[in-house]
PDB file of N, CA and C in Angstrom:
ATOM      1  N   UNK A   1      -6.247  69.809 -31.295  1.00  0.00           N
ATOM      2  CA  UNK A   1      -7.273  70.796 -31.061  1.00  0.00           C
ATOM      3  C   UNK A   1      -6.699  72.165 -31.408  1.00  0.00           C
ATOM      4  N   UNK A   2      -7.023  72.672 -32.561  1.00  0.00           N
ATOM      5  CA  UNK A   2      -6.524  73.966 -32.997  1.00  0.00           C
ATOM      6  C   UNK A   2      -7.420  75.075 -32.461  1.00  0.00           C
ATOM      7  N   UNK A   3      -6.799  76.155 -32.076  1.00  0.00           N
ATOM      8  CA  UNK A   3      -7.534  77.308 -31.576  1.00  0.00           C
ATOM      9  C   UNK A   3      -7.993  78.135 -32.764  1.00  0.00           C
ATOM     10  N   UNK A   4      -9.286  78.400 -32.835  1.00  0.00           N
ATOM     11  CA  UNK A   4      -9.794  79.186 -33.959  1.00  0.00           C
ATOM     12  C   UNK A   4      -9.870  80.666 -33.612  1.00  0.00           C
ATOM     13  N   UNK A   5      -9.964  80.986 -32.327  1.00  0.00           N
ATOM     14  CA  UNK A   5     -10.029  82.380 -31.895  1.00  0.00           C
ATOM     15  C   UNK A   5      -8.614  82.937 -31.851  1.00  0.00           C
ATOM     16  N   UNK A   6      -8.343  83.976 -32.620  1.00  0.00           N
ATOM     17  CA  UNK A   6      -7.002  84.543 -32.657  1.00  0.00           C
ATOM     18  C   UNK A   6      -6.881  85.679 -31.649  1.00  0.00           C
ATOM     19  N   UNK A   7      -7.179  85.362 -30.396  1.00  0.00           N
ATOM     20  CA  UNK A   7      -7.145  86.367 -29.351  1.00  0.00           C
ATOM     21  C   UNK A   7      -6.793  85.742 -28.016  1.00  0.00           C
ATOM     22  N   UNK A   8      -6.067  86.483 -27.169  1.00  0.00           N
ATOM     23  CA  UNK A   8      -5.820  85.990 -25.820  1.00  0.00           C
ATOM     24  C   UNK A   8      -7.109  85.787 -25.030  1.00  0.00           C
ATOM     25  N   UNK A   9      -8.211  86.338 -25.527  1.00  0.00           N
ATOM     26  CA  UNK A   9      -9.487  86.172 -24.831  1.00  0.00           C
ATOM     27  C   UNK A   9      -9.984  84.725 -24.862  1.00  0.00           C
ATOM     28  N   UNK A  10      -9.308  83.857 -25.593  1.00  0.00           N
ATOM     29  CA  UNK A  10      -9.742  82.468 -25.653  1.00  0.00           C
ATOM     30  C   UNK A  10      -9.297  81.671 -24.434  1.00  0.00           C
ATOM     31  N   UNK A  11      -8.628  82.312 -23.493  1.00  0.00           N
ATOM     32  CA  UNK A  11      -8.239  81.670 -22.232  1.00  0.00           C
ATOM     33  C   UNK A  11      -8.701  82.549 -21.073  1.00  0.00           C
ATOM     34  N   UNK A  12      -8.895  81.928 -19.913  1.00  0.00           N
ATOM     35  CA  UNK A  12      -9.297  82.676 -18.719  1.00  0.00           C
ATOM     36  C   UNK A  12      -8.145  83.520 -18.203  1.00  0.00           C
ATOM     37  N   UNK A  13      -8.472  84.683 -17.644  1.00  0.00           N
ATOM     38  CA  UNK A  13      -7.486  85.501 -16.953  1.00  0.00           C
ATOM     39  C   UNK A  13      -7.427  84.975 -15.517  1.00  0.00           C
ATOM     40  N   UNK A  14      -6.228  84.846 -14.939  1.00  0.00           N
ATOM     41  CA  UNK A  14      -6.147  84.315 -13.580  1.00  0.00           C
ATOM     42  C   UNK A  14      -6.854  85.220 -12.568  1.00  0.00           C
ATOM     43  N   UNK A  15      -7.244  84.643 -11.419  1.00  0.00           N
ATOM     44  CA  UNK A  15      -7.918  85.445 -10.390  1.00  0.00           C
ATOM     45  C   UNK A  15      -6.944  86.405  -9.711  1.00  0.00           C
ATOM     46  N   UNK A  16      -7.471  87.433  -9.030  1.00  0.00           N
ATOM     47  CA  UNK A  16      -6.599  88.350  -8.298  1.00  0.00           C
ATOM     48  C   UNK A  16      -5.782  87.601  -7.257  1.00  0.00           C
ATOM     49  N   UNK A  17      -4.616  88.016  -6.919  1.00  0.00           N
ATOM     50  CA  UNK A  17      -3.937  89.244  -7.293  1.00  0.00           C
ATOM     51  C   UNK A  17      -3.178  89.160  -8.614  1.00  0.00           C
ATOM     52  N   UNK A  18      -3.064  87.965  -9.228  1.00  0.00           N
ATOM     53  CA  UNK A  18      -2.311  87.847 -10.477  1.00  0.00           C
ATOM     54  C   UNK A  18      -3.072  88.408 -11.667  1.00  0.00           C
ATOM     55  N   UNK A  19      -4.390  88.346 -11.631  1.00  0.00           N
ATOM     56  CA  UNK A  19      -5.175  88.783 -12.782  1.00  0.00           C
ATOM     57  C   UNK A  19      -6.464  89.439 -12.367  1.00  0.00           C
ATOM     58  N   UNK A  20      -7.389  89.520 -13.333  1.00  0.00           N
ATOM     59  CA  UNK A  20      -8.661  90.190 -13.065  1.00  0.00           C
ATOM     60  C   UNK A  20      -9.829  89.211 -13.086  1.00  0.00           C
ATOM     61  N   UNK A  21      -9.564  87.910 -13.307  1.00  0.00           N
ATOM     62  CA  UNK A  21     -10.551  86.838 -13.287  1.00  0.00           C
ATOM     63  C   UNK A  21     -11.560  86.903 -14.427  1.00  0.00           C
ATOM     64  N   UNK A  22     -11.236  87.568 -15.519  1.00  0.00           N
ATOM     65  CA  UNK A  22     -12.131  87.577 -16.680  1.00  0.00           C
ATOM     66  C   UNK A  22     -12.180  86.175 -17.259  1.00  0.00           C
ATOM     67  N   UNK A  23     -13.369  85.726 -17.631  1.00  0.00           N
ATOM     68  CA  UNK A  23     -13.511  84.404 -18.226  1.00  0.00           C
ATOM     69  C   UNK A  23     -13.163  84.463 -19.701  1.00  0.00           C
ATOM     70  N   UNK A  24     -12.931  83.298 -20.281  1.00  0.00           N
ATOM     71  CA  UNK A  24     -12.614  83.222 -21.710  1.00  0.00           C
ATOM     72  C   UNK A  24     -13.709  83.910 -22.507  1.00  0.00           C
ATOM     73  N   UNK A  25     -13.306  84.741 -23.441  1.00  0.00           N
ATOM     74  CA  UNK A  25     -14.246  85.482 -24.267  1.00  0.00           C
ATOM     75  C   UNK A  25     -14.542  86.875 -23.760  1.00  0.00           C
ATOM     76  N   UNK A  26     -14.233  87.144 -22.515  1.00  0.00           N
ATOM     77  CA  UNK A  26     -14.480  88.460 -21.925  1.00  0.00           C
ATOM     78  C   UNK A  26     -13.193  89.280 -21.898  1.00  0.00           C
ATOM     79  N   UNK A  27     -13.293  90.597 -22.070  1.00  0.00           N
ATOM     80  CA  UNK A  27     -12.103  91.438 -21.966  1.00  0.00           C
ATOM     81  C   UNK A  27     -11.630  91.518 -20.514  1.00  0.00           C
ATOM     82  N   UNK A  28     -10.352  91.777 -20.351  1.00  0.00           N
ATOM     83  CA  UNK A  28      -9.789  91.958 -19.014  1.00  0.00           C
ATOM     84  C   UNK A  28     -10.147  93.353 -18.514  1.00  0.00           C
ATOM     85  N   UNK A  29     -10.755  93.405 -17.344  1.00  0.00           N
ATOM     86  CA  UNK A  29     -11.094  94.683 -16.741  1.00  0.00           C
ATOM     87  C   UNK A  29     -10.590  94.699 -15.306  1.00  0.00           C
ATOM     88  N   UNK A  30     -10.193  95.859 -14.874  1.00  0.00           N
ATOM     89  CA  UNK A  30      -9.801  96.038 -13.483  1.00  0.00           C
ATOM     90  C   UNK A  30      -9.896  97.521 -13.152  1.00  0.00           C
ATOM     91  N   UNK A  31      -9.991  97.822 -11.913  1.00  0.00           N
ATOM     92  CA  UNK A  31     -10.015  99.204 -11.426  1.00  0.00           C
ATOM     93  C   UNK A  31     -11.092 100.050 -12.105  1.00  0.00           C
ATOM     94  N   UNK A  32     -12.338  99.663 -11.922  1.00  0.00           N
ATOM     95  CA  UNK A  32     -13.444 100.476 -12.416  1.00  0.00           C
ATOM     96  C   UNK A  32     -13.702 100.371 -13.896  1.00  0.00           C
ATOM     97  N   UNK A  33     -13.291  99.287 -14.534  1.00  0.00           N
ATOM     98  CA  UNK A  33     -13.616  99.083 -15.935  1.00  0.00           C
ATOM     99  C   UNK A  33     -12.547  99.506 -16.915  1.00  0.00           C
ATOM    100  N   UNK A  34     -11.418 100.003 -16.449  1.00  0.00           N
ATOM    101  CA  UNK A  34     -10.342 100.351 -17.366  1.00  0.00           C
ATOM    102  C   UNK A  34      -9.365  99.195 -17.439  1.00  0.00           C
ATOM    103  N   UNK A  35      -8.856  98.953 -18.589  1.00  0.00           N
ATOM    104  CA  UNK A  35      -7.905  97.861 -18.738  1.00  0.00           C
ATOM    105  C   UNK A  35      -6.534  98.333 -18.287  1.00  0.00           C
ATOM    106  N   UNK A  36      -6.018  97.677 -17.300  1.00  0.00           N
ATOM    107  CA  UNK A  36      -4.675  97.971 -16.817  1.00  0.00           C
ATOM    108  C   UNK A  36      -3.696  97.062 -17.549  1.00  0.00           C
ATOM    109  N   UNK A  37      -2.736  97.617 -18.182  1.00  0.00           N
ATOM    110  CA  UNK A  37      -1.729  96.808 -18.866  1.00  0.00           C
ATOM    111  C   UNK A  37      -0.673  96.413 -17.839  1.00  0.00           C
ATOM    112  N   UNK A  38      -0.896  95.292 -17.272  1.00  0.00           N
ATOM    113  CA  UNK A  38      -0.017  94.794 -16.223  1.00  0.00           C
ATOM    114  C   UNK A  38       0.433  93.388 -16.570  1.00  0.00           C
ATOM    115  N   UNK A  39       1.272  92.869 -15.741  1.00  0.00           N
ATOM    116  CA  UNK A  39       1.853  91.555 -15.955  1.00  0.00           C
ATOM    117  C   UNK A  39       0.788  90.482 -16.128  1.00  0.00           C
ATOM    118  N   UNK A  40      -0.325  90.551 -15.395  1.00  0.00           N
ATOM    119  CA  UNK A  40      -1.303  89.469 -15.496  1.00  0.00           C
ATOM    120  C   UNK A  40      -1.940  89.394 -16.872  1.00  0.00           C
ATOM    121  N   UNK A  41      -2.011  90.487 -17.592  1.00  0.00           N
ATOM    122  CA  UNK A  41      -2.528  90.419 -18.952  1.00  0.00           C
ATOM    123  C   UNK A  41      -1.480  89.821 -19.883  1.00  0.00           C
ATOM    124  N   UNK A  42      -0.230  90.009 -19.564  1.00  0.00           N
ATOM    125  CA  UNK A  42       0.830  89.344 -20.320  1.00  0.00           C
ATOM    126  C   UNK A  42       0.791  87.847 -20.053  1.00  0.00           C
ATOM    127  N   UNK A  43       0.426  87.461 -18.836  1.00  0.00           N
ATOM    128  CA  UNK A  43       0.292  86.049 -18.497  1.00  0.00           C
ATOM    129  C   UNK A  43      -0.834  85.423 -19.324  1.00  0.00           C
ATOM    130  N   UNK A  44      -1.933  86.143 -19.461  1.00  0.00           N
ATOM    131  CA  UNK A  44      -3.064  85.636 -20.250  1.00  0.00           C
ATOM    132  C   UNK A  44      -2.653  85.454 -21.701  1.00  0.00           C
ATOM    133  N   UNK A  45      -1.931  86.395 -22.254  1.00  0.00           N
ATOM    134  CA  UNK A  45      -1.469  86.280 -23.632  1.00  0.00           C
ATOM    135  C   UNK A  45      -0.479  85.128 -23.765  1.00  0.00           C
ATOM    136  N   UNK A  46       0.410  84.970 -22.798  1.00  0.00           N
ATOM    137  CA  UNK A  46       1.370  83.865 -22.836  1.00  0.00           C
ATOM    138  C   UNK A  46       0.651  82.517 -22.757  1.00  0.00           C
ATOM    139  N   UNK A  47      -0.388  82.416 -21.955  1.00  0.00           N
ATOM    140  CA  UNK A  47      -1.162  81.173 -21.847  1.00  0.00           C
ATOM    141  C   UNK A  47      -1.859  80.866 -23.173  1.00  0.00           C
ATOM    142  N   UNK A  48      -2.370  81.904 -23.824  1.00  0.00           N
ATOM    143  CA  UNK A  48      -3.013  81.736 -25.120  1.00  0.00           C
ATOM    144  C   UNK A  48      -2.004  81.247 -26.156  1.00  0.00           C
ATOM    145  N   UNK A  49      -0.820  81.852 -26.179  1.00  0.00           N
ATOM    146  CA  UNK A  49       0.224  81.434 -27.113  1.00  0.00           C
ATOM    147  C   UNK A  49       0.635  79.990 -26.847  1.00  0.00           C
ATOM    148  N   UNK A  50       0.792  79.633 -25.575  1.00  0.00           N
ATOM    149  CA  UNK A  50       1.173  78.268 -25.221  1.00  0.00           C
ATOM    150  C   UNK A  50       0.118  77.271 -25.683  1.00  0.00           C
ATOM    151  N   UNK A  51      -1.149  77.628 -25.575  1.00  0.00           N
ATOM    152  CA  UNK A  51      -2.234  76.749 -26.029  1.00  0.00           C
ATOM    153  C   UNK A  51      -2.195  76.584 -27.544  1.00  0.00           C
ATOM    154  N   UNK A  52      -1.906  77.655 -28.261  1.00  0.00           N
ATOM    155  CA  UNK A  52      -1.806  77.586 -29.720  1.00  0.00           C
ATOM    156  C   UNK A  52      -0.658  76.666 -30.131  1.00  0.00           C
ATOM    157  N   UNK A  53       0.482  76.791 -29.471  1.00  0.00           N
ATOM    158  CA  UNK A  53       1.653  75.972 -29.791  1.00  0.00           C
ATOM    159  C   UNK A  53       1.402  74.512 -29.423  1.00  0.00           C
ATOM    160  N   UNK A  54       0.791  74.275 -28.265  1.00  0.00           N
ATOM    161  CA  UNK A  54       0.536  72.902 -27.814  1.00  0.00           C
ATOM    162  C   UNK A  54      -0.414  72.161 -28.749  1.00  0.00           C
ATOM    163  N   UNK A  55      -1.247  72.882 -29.481  1.00  0.00           N
ATOM    164  CA  UNK A  55      -2.197  72.264 -30.404  1.00  0.00           C
ATOM    165  C   UNK A  55      -1.529  71.751 -31.678  1.00  0.00           C
ATOM    166  N   UNK A  56      -0.260  72.113 -31.896  1.00  0.00           N
ATOM    167  CA  UNK A  56       0.470  71.701 -33.091  1.00  0.00           C
ATOM    168  C   UNK A  56       1.704  70.923 -32.632  1.00  0.00           C
ATOM    169  N   UNK A  57       1.682  69.589 -32.719  1.00  0.00           N
ATOM    170  CA  UNK A  57       2.787  68.787 -32.180  1.00  0.00           C
ATOM    171  C   UNK A  57       4.167  69.161 -32.724  1.00  0.00           C
ATOM    172  N   UNK A  58       4.280  69.446 -34.011  1.00  0.00           N
ATOM    173  CA  UNK A  58       5.574  69.816 -34.586  1.00  0.00           C
ATOM    174  C   UNK A  58       6.060  71.148 -34.004  1.00  0.00           C
ATOM    175  N   UNK A  59       5.154  72.090 -33.841  1.00  0.00           N
ATOM    176  CA  UNK A  59       5.513  73.383 -33.257  1.00  0.00           C
ATOM    177  C   UNK A  59       5.921  73.222 -31.799  1.00  0.00           C
ATOM    178  N   UNK A  60       5.220  72.365 -31.063  1.00  0.00           N
ATOM    179  CA  UNK A  60       5.549  72.107 -29.658  1.00  0.00           C
ATOM    180  C   UNK A  60       6.942  71.505 -29.539  1.00  0.00           C
ATOM    181  N   UNK A  61       7.259  70.575 -30.433  1.00  0.00           N
ATOM    182  CA  UNK A  61       8.582  69.956 -30.448  1.00  0.00           C
ATOM    183  C   UNK A  61       9.676  71.005 -30.636  1.00  0.00           C
ATOM    184  N   UNK A  62       9.499  71.870 -31.619  1.00  0.00           N
ATOM    185  CA  UNK A  62      10.498  72.911 -31.900  1.00  0.00           C
ATOM    186  C   UNK A  62      10.535  73.937 -30.762  1.00  0.00           C
ATOM    187  N   UNK A  63       9.371  74.320 -30.240  1.00  0.00           N
ATOM    188  CA  UNK A  63       9.326  75.302 -29.148  1.00  0.00           C
ATOM    189  C   UNK A  63      10.063  74.784 -27.914  1.00  0.00           C
ATOM    190  N   UNK A  64       9.892  73.509 -27.600  1.00  0.00           N
ATOM    191  CA  UNK A  64      10.604  72.925 -26.460  1.00  0.00           C
ATOM    192  C   UNK A  64      12.111  72.929 -26.696  1.00  0.00           C
ATOM    193  N   UNK A  65      12.516  72.634 -27.920  1.00  0.00           N
ATOM    194  CA  UNK A  65      13.941  72.637 -28.252  1.00  0.00           C
ATOM    195  C   UNK A  65      14.516  74.056 -28.212  1.00  0.00           C
ATOM    196  N   UNK A  66      13.727  75.027 -28.635  1.00  0.00           N
ATOM    197  CA  UNK A  66      14.166  76.428 -28.567  1.00  0.00           C
ATOM    198  C   UNK A  66      14.327  76.839 -27.106  1.00  0.00           C
ATOM    199  N   UNK A  67      13.356  76.473 -26.267  1.00  0.00           N
ATOM    200  CA  UNK A  67      13.431  76.816 -24.840  1.00  0.00           C
ATOM    201  C   UNK A  67      14.645  76.171 -24.171  1.00  0.00           C
ATOM    202  N   UNK A  68      15.001  74.970 -24.625  1.00  0.00           N
ATOM    203  CA  UNK A  68      16.162  74.276 -24.064  1.00  0.00           C
ATOM    204  C   UNK A  68      17.469  74.711 -24.730  1.00  0.00           C
ATOM    205  N   UNK A  69      17.365  75.653 -25.643  1.00  0.00           N
ATOM    206  CA  UNK A  69      18.504  76.187 -26.399  1.00  0.00           C
ATOM    207  C   UNK A  69      19.222  75.131 -27.230  1.00  0.00           C
ATOM    208  N   UNK A  70      18.442  74.158 -27.702  1.00  0.00           N
ATOM    209  CA  UNK A  70      18.985  73.139 -28.598  1.00  0.00           C
ATOM    210  C   UNK A  70      18.794  73.546 -30.054  1.00  0.00           C
ATOM    211  N   UNK A  71      17.827  74.433 -30.299  1.00  0.00           N
ATOM    212  CA  UNK A  71      17.542  74.936 -31.643  1.00  0.00           C
ATOM    213  C   UNK A  71      17.532  76.458 -31.582  1.00  0.00           C
ATOM    214  N   UNK A  72      18.297  77.072 -32.485  1.00  0.00           N
ATOM    215  CA  UNK A  72      18.344  78.534 -32.518  1.00  0.00           C
ATOM    216  C   UNK A  72      18.027  79.083 -33.907  1.00  0.00           C
ATOM    217  N   UNK A  73      18.050  78.235 -34.911  1.00  0.00           N
ATOM    218  CA  UNK A  73      17.889  78.682 -36.290  1.00  0.00           C
ATOM    219  C   UNK A  73      16.840  77.811 -36.987  1.00  0.00           C
ATOM    220  N   UNK A  74      16.214  78.359 -38.004  1.00  0.00           N
ATOM    221  CA  UNK A  74      15.209  77.623 -38.758  1.00  0.00           C
ATOM    222  C   UNK A  74      15.769  76.350 -39.381  1.00  0.00           C
ATOM    223  N   UNK A  75      17.005  76.416 -39.826  1.00  0.00           N
ATOM    224  CA  UNK A  75      17.658  75.238 -40.412  1.00  0.00           C
ATOM    225  C   UNK A  75      17.733  74.115 -39.384  1.00  0.00           C
ATOM    226  N   UNK A  76      18.089  74.459 -38.162  1.00  0.00           N
ATOM    227  CA  UNK A  76      18.177  73.459 -37.095  1.00  0.00           C
ATOM    228  C   UNK A  76      16.789  72.922 -36.735  1.00  0.00           C
ATOM    229  N   UNK A  77      15.780  73.781 -36.785  1.00  0.00           N
ATOM    230  CA  UNK A  77      14.408  73.350 -36.526  1.00  0.00           C
ATOM    231  C   UNK A  77      13.987  72.320 -37.573  1.00  0.00           C
ATOM    232  N   UNK A  78      14.308  72.564 -38.836  1.00  0.00           N
ATOM    233  CA  UNK A  78      13.973  71.620 -39.903  1.00  0.00           C
ATOM    234  C   UNK A  78      14.679  70.288 -39.695  1.00  0.00           C
ATOM    235  N   UNK A  79      15.942  70.334 -39.281  1.00  0.00           N
ATOM    236  CA  UNK A  79      16.693  69.096 -39.024  1.00  0.00           C
ATOM    237  C   UNK A  79      16.052  68.300 -37.885  1.00  0.00           C
ATOM    238  N   UNK A  80      15.613  68.990 -36.835  1.00  0.00           N
ATOM    239  CA  UNK A  80      14.957  68.323 -35.719  1.00  0.00           C
ATOM    240  C   UNK A  80      13.640  67.688 -36.170  1.00  0.00           C
ATOM    241  N   UNK A  81      12.892  68.398 -36.992  1.00  0.00           N
ATOM    242  CA  UNK A  81      11.623  67.874 -37.485  1.00  0.00           C
ATOM    243  C   UNK A  81      11.829  66.615 -38.326  1.00  0.00           C
ATOM    244  N   UNK A  82      12.848  66.605 -39.162  1.00  0.00           N
ATOM    245  CA  UNK A  82      13.156  65.413 -39.962  1.00  0.00           C
ATOM    246  C   UNK A  82      13.532  64.257 -39.039  1.00  0.00           C
ATOM    247  N   UNK A  83      14.350  64.549 -38.049  1.00  0.00           N
ATOM    248  CA  UNK A  83      14.799  63.524 -37.096  1.00  0.00           C
ATOM    249  C   UNK A  83      13.620  62.868 -36.377  1.00  0.00           C
ATOM    250  N   UNK A  84      12.579  63.648 -36.098  1.00  0.00           N
ATOM    251  CA  UNK A  84      11.419  63.145 -35.364  1.00  0.00           C
ATOM    252  C   UNK A  84      10.283  62.688 -36.275  1.00  0.00           C
ATOM    253  N   UNK A  85      10.483  62.740 -37.600  1.00  0.00           N
ATOM    254  CA  UNK A  85       9.501  62.203 -38.530  1.00  0.00           C
ATOM    255  C   UNK A  85       8.459  63.179 -39.060  1.00  0.00           C
ATOM    256  N   UNK A  86       8.646  64.454 -38.864  1.00  0.00           N
ATOM    257  CA  UNK A  86       7.717  65.467 -39.373  1.00  0.00           C
ATOM    258  C   UNK A  86       8.247  65.992 -40.709  1.00  0.00           C
ATOM    259  N   UNK A  87       8.173  65.159 -41.744  1.00  0.00           N
ATOM    260  CA  UNK A  87       8.784  65.480 -43.036  1.00  0.00           C
ATOM    261  C   UNK A  87       8.130  66.678 -43.729  1.00  0.00           C
ATOM    262  N   UNK A  88       6.807  66.724 -43.768  1.00  0.00           N
ATOM    263  CA  UNK A  88       6.112  67.816 -44.460  1.00  0.00           C
ATOM    264  C   UNK A  88       6.391  69.151 -43.766  1.00  0.00           C
ATOM    265  N   UNK A  89       6.360  69.145 -42.442  1.00  0.00           N
ATOM    266  CA  UNK A  89       6.627  70.369 -41.683  1.00  0.00           C
ATOM    267  C   UNK A  89       8.071  70.826 -41.882  1.00  0.00           C
ATOM    268  N   UNK A  90       8.992  69.858 -41.901  1.00  0.00           N
ATOM    269  CA  UNK A  90      10.408  70.188 -42.103  1.00  0.00           C
ATOM    270  C   UNK A  90      10.617  70.818 -43.471  1.00  0.00           C
ATOM    271  N   UNK A  91       9.961  70.266 -44.485  1.00  0.00           N
ATOM    272  CA  UNK A  91      10.100  70.821 -45.832  1.00  0.00           C
ATOM    273  C   UNK A  91       9.558  72.243 -45.899  1.00  0.00           C
ATOM    274  N   UNK A  92       8.449  72.511 -45.212  1.00  0.00           N
ATOM    275  CA  UNK A  92       7.874  73.864 -45.214  1.00  0.00           C
ATOM    276  C   UNK A  92       8.805  74.855 -44.512  1.00  0.00           C
ATOM    277  N   UNK A  93       9.425  74.417 -43.415  1.00  0.00           N
ATOM    278  CA  UNK A  93      10.376  75.289 -42.715  1.00  0.00           C
ATOM    279  C   UNK A  93      11.593  75.533 -43.602  1.00  0.00           C
ATOM    280  N   UNK A  94      12.105  74.486 -44.241  1.00  0.00           N
ATOM    281  CA  UNK A  94      13.253  74.655 -45.154  1.00  0.00           C
ATOM    282  C   UNK A  94      12.927  75.642 -46.268  1.00  0.00           C
ATOM    283  N   UNK A  95      11.723  75.506 -46.822  1.00  0.00           N
ATOM    284  CA  UNK A  95      11.300  76.413 -47.896  1.00  0.00           C
ATOM    285  C   UNK A  95      11.268  77.860 -47.391  1.00  0.00           C
ATOM    286  N   UNK A  96      10.754  78.072 -46.188  1.00  0.00           N
ATOM    287  CA  UNK A  96      10.685  79.425 -45.624  1.00  0.00           C
ATOM    288  C   UNK A  96      12.077  79.977 -45.355  1.00  0.00           C
ATOM    289  N   UNK A  97      12.978  79.129 -44.864  1.00  0.00           N
ATOM    290  CA  UNK A  97      14.363  79.570 -44.630  1.00  0.00           C
ATOM    291  C   UNK A  97      14.984  80.010 -45.953  1.00  0.00           C
ATOM    292  N   UNK A  98      14.756  79.232 -46.993  1.00  0.00           N
ATOM    293  CA  UNK A  98      15.293  79.567 -48.311  1.00  0.00           C
ATOM    294  C   UNK A  98      14.699  80.878 -48.832  1.00  0.00           C
ATOM    295  N   UNK A  99      13.384  81.037 -48.684  1.00  0.00           N
ATOM    296  CA  UNK A  99      12.716  82.256 -49.142  1.00  0.00           C
ATOM    297  C   UNK A  99      13.224  83.498 -48.415  1.00  0.00           C
ATOM    298  N   UNK A 100      13.650  83.310 -47.178  1.00  0.00           N
ATOM    299  CA  UNK A 100      14.133  84.434 -46.372  1.00  0.00           C
ATOM    300  C   UNK A 100      15.658  84.519 -46.389  1.00  0.00           C
ATOM    301  N   UNK A 101      16.278  83.837 -47.340  1.00  0.00           N
ATOM    302  CA  UNK A 101      17.725  83.880 -47.527  1.00  0.00           C
ATOM    303  C   UNK A 101      18.483  83.511 -46.250  1.00  0.00           C
ATOM    304  N   UNK A 102      17.974  82.499 -45.560  1.00  0.00           N
ATOM    305  CA  UNK A 102      18.650  81.997 -44.367  1.00  0.00           C
ATOM    306  C   UNK A 102      18.342  82.731 -43.085  1.00  0.00           C
ATOM    307  N   UNK A 103      17.491  83.740 -43.160  1.00  0.00           N
ATOM    308  CA  UNK A 103      17.183  84.546 -41.980  1.00  0.00           C
ATOM    309  C   UNK A 103      15.882  84.081 -41.334  1.00  0.00           C
ATOM    310  N   UNK A 104      15.981  83.050 -40.506  1.00  0.00           N
ATOM    311  CA  UNK A 104      14.804  82.561 -39.792  1.00  0.00           C
ATOM    312  C   UNK A 104      15.268  81.909 -38.494  1.00  0.00           C
ATOM    313  N   UNK A 105      14.720  82.387 -37.402  1.00  0.00           N
ATOM    314  CA  UNK A 105      15.080  81.842 -36.097  1.00  0.00           C
ATOM    315  C   UNK A 105      14.222  80.627 -35.762  1.00  0.00           C
ATOM    316  N   UNK A 106      14.593  79.950 -34.711  1.00  0.00           N
ATOM    317  CA  UNK A 106      13.791  78.837 -34.223  1.00  0.00           C
ATOM    318  C   UNK A 106      12.405  79.296 -33.811  1.00  0.00           C
ATOM    319  N   UNK A 107      12.323  80.442 -33.147  1.00  0.00           N
ATOM    320  CA  UNK A 107      11.024  80.978 -32.725  1.00  0.00           C
ATOM    321  C   UNK A 107      10.155  81.317 -33.931  1.00  0.00           C
ATOM    322  N   UNK A 108      10.757  81.838 -34.972  1.00  0.00           N
ATOM    323  CA  UNK A 108       9.998  82.135 -36.182  1.00  0.00           C
ATOM    324  C   UNK A 108       9.499  80.851 -36.835  1.00  0.00           C
ATOM    325  N   UNK A 109      10.263  79.782 -36.713  1.00  0.00           N
ATOM    326  CA  UNK A 109       9.830  78.481 -37.229  1.00  0.00           C
ATOM    327  C   UNK A 109       8.591  78.000 -36.489  1.00  0.00           C
ATOM    328  N   UNK A 110       8.573  78.174 -35.177  1.00  0.00           N
ATOM    329  CA  UNK A 110       7.413  77.796 -34.380  1.00  0.00           C
ATOM    330  C   UNK A 110       6.193  78.592 -34.836  1.00  0.00           C
ATOM    331  N   UNK A 111       6.361  79.895 -34.979  1.00  0.00           N
ATOM    332  CA  UNK A 111       5.251  80.750 -35.410  1.00  0.00           C
ATOM    333  C   UNK A 111       4.745  80.330 -36.786  1.00  0.00           C
ATOM    334  N   UNK A 112       5.639  79.990 -37.683  1.00  0.00           N
ATOM    335  CA  UNK A 112       5.258  79.546 -39.019  1.00  0.00           C
ATOM    336  C   UNK A 112       4.441  78.258 -38.949  1.00  0.00           C
ATOM    337  N   UNK A 113       4.895  77.300 -38.163  1.00  0.00           N
ATOM    338  CA  UNK A 113       4.187  76.028 -38.043  1.00  0.00           C
ATOM    339  C   UNK A 113       2.785  76.213 -37.462  1.00  0.00           C
ATOM    340  N   UNK A 114       2.661  77.082 -36.475  1.00  0.00           N
ATOM    341  CA  UNK A 114       1.349  77.358 -35.881  1.00  0.00           C
ATOM    342  C   UNK A 114       0.449  78.053 -36.900  1.00  0.00           C
ATOM    343  N   UNK A 115       0.998  79.012 -37.600  1.00  0.00           N
ATOM    344  CA  UNK A 115       0.217  79.749 -38.610  1.00  0.00           C
ATOM    345  C   UNK A 115      -0.289  78.806 -39.697  1.00  0.00           C
ATOM    346  N   UNK A 116       0.563  77.899 -40.156  1.00  0.00           N
ATOM    347  CA  UNK A 116       0.160  76.954 -41.204  1.00  0.00           C
ATOM    348  C   UNK A 116      -0.946  76.038 -40.682  1.00  0.00           C
ATOM    349  N   UNK A 117      -0.793  75.544 -39.456  1.00  0.00           N
ATOM    350  CA  UNK A 117      -1.806  74.641 -38.879  1.00  0.00           C
ATOM    351  C   UNK A 117      -3.140  75.368 -38.699  1.00  0.00           C
ATOM    352  N   UNK A 118      -3.103  76.600 -38.242  1.00  0.00           N
ATOM    353  CA  UNK A 118      -4.336  77.349 -38.038  1.00  0.00           C
ATOM    354  C   UNK A 118      -5.014  77.740 -39.347  1.00  0.00           C
ATOM    355  N   UNK A 119      -4.214  77.816 -40.413  1.00  0.00           N
ATOM    356  CA  UNK A 119      -4.780  78.136 -41.727  1.00  0.00           C
ATOM    357  C   UNK A 119      -5.280  76.879 -42.437  1.00  0.00           C
ATOM    358  N   UNK A 120      -5.230  75.764 -41.745  1.00  0.00           N
ATOM    359  CA  UNK A 120      -5.718  74.527 -42.339  1.00  0.00           C
ATOM    360  C   UNK A 120      -4.681  73.789 -43.141  1.00  0.00           C
ATOM    361  N   UNK A 121      -3.413  74.036 -42.867  1.00  0.00           N
ATOM    362  CA  UNK A 121      -2.346  73.318 -43.543  1.00  0.00           C
ATOM    363  C   UNK A 121      -1.829  73.956 -44.810  1.00  0.00           C
ATOM    364  N   UNK A 122      -2.357  75.106 -45.175  1.00  0.00           N
ATOM    365  CA  UNK A 122      -1.895  75.785 -46.379  1.00  0.00           C
ATOM    366  C   UNK A 122      -1.435  77.194 -46.025  1.00  0.00           C
ATOM    367  N   UNK A 123      -0.451  77.620 -46.719  1.00  0.00           N
ATOM    368  CA  UNK A 123       0.016  79.005 -46.576  1.00  0.00           C
ATOM    369  C   UNK A 123       0.836  79.354 -47.772  1.00  0.00           C
TER     370      UNK A 123
END
């Protein structure tokens, strides 16, 4: 299930005191209609990012490995993808690492995989 809305508004904001309880699609409002840039809006954005990553199995695999500090570089992400059978995704990450002259982190690999999936598999 790929997320088509490229906004944190595609997820609900948590209820007070953590958030402002805005529903998906609505802007976050608090304190008389002004948007307060507080931690709960960062939580909403983090939830949106997590949903985007979870929708792409290869990206989720790499993101989990990055969080566990098993993958730190794009090259290592590609090796993990090959090990788990994601050959096309691994080749795309390898190509991006090469294009960037070896400068690609594991987190950037996750972002690349999500971007490719959201673009319909082409980039």
